[in-house]
Amino acid sequence: MSGVRPAGAGAAAGALLAAGALRALRSRPPGGAAAWTRLNARGREVSLLAGPAYAGAAAAALLVQPGLGRRERAAAVIAVAAAGGLGVYDDLAGSGADRGLAGHLRALRARRLTTGGVKVLGLGAAGLAAGGLLRRGPLDAALAAGVVAGSANLANLLDLRPGRALKAGLLAGSPHLLGPAPARLLVAAPLGAAAALLPDDLGELVMLGDGGANALGAALGVAAAAGAGRRSLAARLAVLTALTLASERVSFTRVIAATPVLRELDALGRLP
């Protein structure tokens, strides 16, 4: 099998599984549709079911992705499934009282465990597990863990407008499709699932929520960590850290709105 065929098979599996999972979940929502319904930024009712549909489909497709090594496969499935599960938990049980990474860390320092705090700790643990599977040596494993967890968190910060997180994920992950394995194989299924859900997200029928956005970011983080050298890992982690800290003070939505190219890209395909 050529290098292109396994990636194509993974992308197709991700797309088919995501579309099928969303259709099945929307026909019989666990706990009823009301539990998954939220108002988006424009006040329209949307379903959070895209989150578990994306996370489940991406993890399942990675589980059967041809050409992946045992350690890479395990790292990807653990990271995506854990990030998705933690995100769905925060979506359904979170109160929104403590917002942002800083808010959850303040709560932890005050010995209050919020749903966001559970997610922060869980993403760190999932990152460490994935990093240990992907890289040899404690330093490289720690850097990889930071990239996986940081990517999961950053993707979630973009899920504030219809289609934004999925577009960002597709743009950030697509270069890996042209690169060497294992990154190419690790990113194919998550991108296929993202492409399948993008029309419904742009159409304001669903939203990724924390469950889908965290899973998408974790998948991209695993692909990046698997294919990067130590310097590249350190640089990626530095950028992720800088963006995360900046998000506590700067609104990404305002930055996008003030930048013509980003504004047009952000609005592409969205309802008027």
Protein backbone atom coordinates (compact mmCIF):
# COMPACT_ATOMS: atom_id res chain seq x y z
CA MET A 1 0.00 0.00 0.00
CA SER A 2 1.46 3.38 -0.98
CA GLY A 3 1.97 6.19 1.53
CA VAL A 4 -1.10 8.04 0.28
CA ARG A 5 -3.59 5.17 0.53
CA PRO A 6 -3.47 4.63 4.32
CA ALA A 7 -4.01 8.34 4.95
CA GLY A 8 -6.89 8.41 2.48
CA ALA A 9 -8.45 5.39 4.15
CA GLY A 10 -8.13 7.05 7.54
CA ALA A 11 -9.67 10.31 6.34
CA ALA A 12 -12.58 8.46 4.75
CA ALA A 13 -13.14 6.40 7.90
CA GLY A 14 -13.09 9.51 10.07
CA ALA A 15 -15.60 11.31 7.83
CA LEU A 16 -18.00 8.38 7.57
CA LEU A 17 -17.88 7.60 11.27
CA ALA A 18 -18.36 11.23 12.29
CA ALA A 19 -21.34 11.74 9.99
CA GLY A 20 -22.90 8.47 11.12
CA ALA A 21 -22.26 9.14 14.81
CA LEU A 22 -23.81 12.59 14.66
CA ARG A 23 -26.85 11.28 12.81
CA ALA A 24 -27.33 8.48 15.36
CA LEU A 25 -26.85 10.75 18.38
CA ARG A 26 -29.25 13.38 17.08
CA SER A 27 -31.91 10.77 16.40
CA ARG A 28 -31.66 9.42 19.96
CA PRO A 29 -29.85 11.97 22.18
CA PRO A 30 -28.64 10.41 25.46
CA GLY A 31 -30.69 11.99 28.24
CA GLY A 32 -32.87 13.87 25.78
CA ALA A 33 -32.17 16.69 23.33
CA ALA A 34 -32.59 19.41 25.97
CA ALA A 35 -29.51 18.22 27.87
CA TRP A 36 -27.38 18.90 24.80
CA THR A 37 -28.96 22.16 23.64
CA ARG A 38 -27.17 25.47 24.14
CA LEU A 39 -27.43 29.00 22.76
CA ASN A 40 -24.58 30.04 20.49
CA ALA A 41 -23.07 33.52 20.17
CA ARG A 42 -25.99 34.68 18.02
CA GLY A 43 -28.65 33.32 20.34
CA ARG A 44 -29.57 30.35 18.15
CA GLU A 45 -30.21 26.94 19.69
CA VAL A 46 -27.54 24.44 18.68
CA SER A 47 -26.69 20.90 19.75
CA LEU A 48 -23.52 19.91 21.58
CA LEU A 49 -23.78 16.40 20.16
CA ALA A 50 -21.12 17.23 17.56
CA GLY A 51 -18.60 16.96 20.41
CA PRO A 52 -19.06 13.29 21.32
CA ALA A 53 -19.69 12.47 17.65
CA TYR A 54 -16.34 13.99 16.67
CA ALA A 55 -14.33 12.53 19.57
CA GLY A 56 -15.79 9.05 19.20
CA ALA A 57 -15.38 8.96 15.44
CA ALA A 58 -11.81 10.27 15.48
CA ALA A 59 -10.74 7.82 18.19
CA ALA A 60 -12.43 4.87 16.46
CA ALA A 61 -10.91 5.72 13.08
CA LEU A 62 -7.45 6.07 14.64
CA LEU A 63 -7.90 2.69 16.28
CA VAL A 64 -8.15 1.04 12.85
CA GLN A 65 -5.88 3.45 10.91
CA PRO A 66 -3.66 1.37 8.59
CA GLY A 67 0.08 1.82 8.90
CA LEU A 68 0.29 3.20 12.43
CA GLY A 69 2.70 1.71 14.95
CA ARG A 70 1.37 0.33 18.21
CA ARG A 71 2.70 3.17 20.38
CA GLU A 72 1.54 5.96 18.06
CA ARG A 73 -1.91 4.39 17.77
CA ALA A 74 -2.22 4.05 21.55
CA ALA A 75 -1.04 7.63 22.14
CA ALA A 76 -3.55 9.05 19.67
CA VAL A 77 -6.53 7.04 20.90
CA ILE A 78 -5.77 7.81 24.56
CA ALA A 79 -5.33 11.54 23.92
CA VAL A 80 -8.41 11.97 21.71
CA ALA A 81 -10.72 9.81 23.83
CA ALA A 82 -9.60 11.37 27.11
CA ALA A 83 -9.77 14.95 25.81
CA GLY A 84 -13.18 14.31 24.30
CA GLY A 85 -14.55 12.66 27.42
CA LEU A 86 -13.23 15.39 29.72
CA GLY A 87 -14.62 18.07 27.43
CA VAL A 88 -18.08 16.49 27.28
CA TYR A 89 -18.07 16.24 31.08
CA ASP A 90 -17.28 19.96 31.33
CA ASP A 91 -19.93 20.78 28.70
CA LEU A 92 -22.67 18.96 30.59
CA ALA A 93 -21.69 19.49 34.22
CA GLY A 94 -19.81 22.80 34.17
CA SER A 95 -21.35 25.88 35.77
CA GLY A 96 -19.26 28.49 33.96
CA ALA A 97 -18.53 30.25 37.26
CA ASP A 98 -14.75 29.92 36.90
CA ARG A 99 -13.71 30.79 33.37
CA GLY A 100 -10.42 30.38 31.56
CA LEU A 101 -7.32 28.46 32.55
CA ALA A 102 -6.43 31.08 35.16
CA GLY A 103 -9.87 30.80 36.76
CA HIS A 104 -9.65 27.04 37.08
CA LEU A 105 -6.12 27.22 38.47
CA ARG A 106 -7.23 29.81 41.05
CA ALA A 107 -10.02 27.46 42.08
CA LEU A 108 -7.54 24.60 42.44
CA ARG A 109 -5.28 26.77 44.61
CA ALA A 110 -8.31 27.53 46.76
CA ARG A 111 -8.92 23.75 47.03
CA ARG A 112 -12.06 23.92 44.90
CA LEU A 113 -12.22 21.34 42.14
CA THR A 114 -14.32 22.70 39.27
CA THR A 115 -15.28 20.70 36.21
CA GLY A 116 -12.76 22.82 34.34
CA GLY A 117 -10.16 21.93 36.96
CA VAL A 118 -10.89 18.25 36.43
CA LYS A 119 -10.38 18.83 32.72
CA VAL A 120 -7.09 20.68 33.23
CA LEU A 121 -5.73 17.86 35.40
CA GLY A 122 -7.09 15.20 33.07
CA LEU A 123 -5.64 16.80 29.96
CA GLY A 124 -2.27 16.98 31.70
CA ALA A 125 -2.44 13.29 32.59
CA ALA A 126 -3.55 12.33 29.07
CA GLY A 127 -0.74 14.44 27.64
CA LEU A 128 1.80 12.69 29.84
CA ALA A 129 0.51 9.28 28.80
CA ALA A 130 0.62 10.20 25.11
CA GLY A 131 4.02 11.88 25.43
CA GLY A 132 5.49 8.83 27.10
CA LEU A 133 4.26 6.62 24.27
CA LEU A 134 5.43 8.93 21.51
CA ARG A 135 8.90 9.93 22.69
CA ARG A 136 11.88 8.33 24.40
CA GLY A 137 13.49 10.11 27.33
CA PRO A 138 11.86 12.22 30.05
CA LEU A 139 12.57 15.64 28.48
CA ASP A 140 11.17 14.81 25.06
CA ALA A 141 8.19 13.04 26.64
CA ALA A 142 7.46 16.09 28.82
CA LEU A 143 7.68 18.43 25.83
CA ALA A 144 5.37 16.17 23.83
CA ALA A 145 2.94 16.05 26.75
CA GLY A 146 2.86 19.84 26.84
CA VAL A 147 2.19 20.05 23.11
CA VAL A 148 -0.68 17.55 23.29
CA ALA A 149 -2.36 19.16 26.31
CA GLY A 150 -1.66 22.70 25.09
CA SER A 151 -3.08 21.98 21.65
CA ALA A 152 -6.24 20.51 23.20
CA ASN A 153 -6.73 23.64 25.29
CA LEU A 154 -5.98 26.08 22.47
CA ALA A 155 -8.47 24.49 20.08
CA ASN A 156 -11.15 24.90 22.72
CA LEU A 157 -10.39 28.63 22.95
CA LEU A 158 -11.35 28.97 19.28
CA ASP A 159 -14.76 27.31 19.55
CA LEU A 160 -16.57 30.62 20.01
CA ARG A 161 -18.10 31.09 16.55
CA PRO A 162 -19.64 28.61 14.10
CA GLY A 163 -17.00 26.61 12.25
CA ARG A 164 -14.03 28.48 13.69
CA ALA A 165 -12.38 25.61 15.59
CA LEU A 166 -12.93 23.13 12.76
CA LYS A 167 -11.52 25.55 10.16
CA ALA A 168 -8.49 26.22 12.35
CA GLY A 169 -7.97 22.50 12.85
CA LEU A 170 -8.19 21.76 9.14
CA LEU A 171 -5.73 24.56 8.32
CA ALA A 172 -3.29 23.59 11.06
CA GLY A 173 -3.44 19.87 10.35
CA SER A 174 -3.42 19.82 6.55
CA PRO A 175 0.36 20.39 6.18
CA HIS A 176 0.93 17.09 8.00
CA LEU A 177 -0.87 15.30 5.16
CA LEU A 178 2.04 16.26 2.90
CA GLY A 179 4.68 15.22 5.40
CA PRO A 180 6.13 11.89 6.48
CA ALA A 181 4.54 9.20 8.60
CA PRO A 182 3.56 8.84 11.37
CA ALA A 183 2.26 12.42 11.51
CA ARG A 184 0.44 12.01 8.18
CA LEU A 185 -1.36 8.91 9.40
CA LEU A 186 -2.14 10.39 12.81
CA VAL A 187 -3.84 13.46 11.36
CA ALA A 188 -5.83 11.90 8.51
CA ALA A 189 -8.78 10.50 10.47
CA PRO A 190 -9.21 13.56 12.72
CA LEU A 191 -9.24 15.85 9.66
CA GLY A 192 -11.72 13.62 7.86
CA ALA A 193 -14.05 13.78 10.85
CA ALA A 194 -13.61 17.57 11.05
CA ALA A 195 -14.48 18.03 7.37
CA ALA A 196 -17.62 15.90 7.74
CA LEU A 197 -18.96 18.00 10.64
CA LEU A 198 -18.02 21.42 9.26
CA PRO A 199 -21.23 22.02 7.22
CA ASP A 200 -23.53 21.42 10.21
CA ASP A 201 -21.30 23.57 12.42
CA LEU A 202 -21.33 26.44 9.91
CA GLY A 203 -25.08 25.98 9.48
CA GLU A 204 -25.53 26.51 13.24
CA LEU A 205 -27.19 23.15 13.76
CA VAL A 206 -24.45 21.89 16.09
CA MET A 207 -21.37 23.09 17.89
CA LEU A 208 -18.24 21.21 18.89
CA GLY A 209 -18.25 22.37 22.48
CA ASP A 210 -15.38 21.45 24.76
CA GLY A 211 -15.78 17.76 23.90
CA GLY A 212 -15.15 18.14 20.19
CA ALA A 213 -12.68 21.03 20.33
CA ASN A 214 -10.49 19.41 22.99
CA ALA A 215 -10.44 16.14 21.03
CA LEU A 216 -9.54 17.94 17.79
CA GLY A 217 -6.71 19.84 19.46
CA ALA A 218 -5.38 16.73 21.17
CA ALA A 219 -5.31 14.87 17.83
CA LEU A 220 -3.35 17.69 16.20
CA GLY A 221 -1.01 17.80 19.18
CA VAL A 222 -0.24 14.09 18.92
CA ALA A 223 0.49 14.42 15.19
CA ALA A 224 2.77 17.39 15.82
CA ALA A 225 4.58 15.71 18.71
CA ALA A 226 5.14 12.48 16.77
CA GLY A 227 6.84 14.18 13.86
CA ALA A 228 8.89 16.91 15.56
CA GLY A 229 12.44 17.06 16.85
CA ARG A 230 13.28 18.36 20.31
CA ARG A 231 13.83 21.96 19.20
CA SER A 232 10.62 21.95 17.23
CA LEU A 233 8.73 20.51 20.19
CA ALA A 234 10.11 23.22 22.47
CA ALA A 235 9.20 25.93 19.95
CA ARG A 236 5.67 24.57 19.55
CA LEU A 237 5.20 24.42 23.29
CA ALA A 238 6.46 28.00 23.66
CA VAL A 239 3.97 29.23 21.03
CA LEU A 240 1.09 27.32 22.63
CA THR A 241 1.98 28.70 26.05
CA ALA A 242 2.22 32.26 24.73
CA LEU A 243 -1.15 32.02 22.98
CA THR A 244 -2.80 30.50 26.04
CA LEU A 245 -1.46 33.26 28.30
CA ALA A 246 -2.48 35.89 25.75
CA SER A 247 -6.01 34.53 25.67
CA GLU A 248 -6.42 35.49 29.33
CA ARG A 249 -5.99 39.15 28.40
CA VAL A 250 -6.82 39.43 24.70
CA SER A 251 -10.02 38.42 22.92
CA PHE A 252 -9.19 36.23 19.91
CA THR A 253 -12.58 37.17 18.46
CA ARG A 254 -11.65 40.86 18.54
CA VAL A 255 -8.26 40.17 16.96
CA ILE A 256 -9.92 38.18 14.17
CA ALA A 257 -12.54 40.88 13.61
CA ALA A 258 -9.81 43.52 13.34
CA THR A 259 -7.71 41.55 10.83
CA PRO A 260 -9.24 41.57 7.30
CA VAL A 261 -7.81 38.24 6.10
CA LEU A 262 -8.72 36.43 9.31
CA ARG A 263 -12.14 38.07 9.38
CA GLU A 264 -13.00 36.92 5.87
CA LEU A 265 -11.71 33.41 6.49
CA ASP A 266 -13.60 33.20 9.76
CA ALA A 267 -16.87 34.24 8.06
CA LEU A 268 -16.44 31.96 5.03
CA GLY A 269 -19.37 29.58 4.70
CA ARG A 270 -21.17 30.97 7.74
CA LEU A 271 -24.82 32.00 7.73
CA PRO A 272 -25.35 35.73 7.05
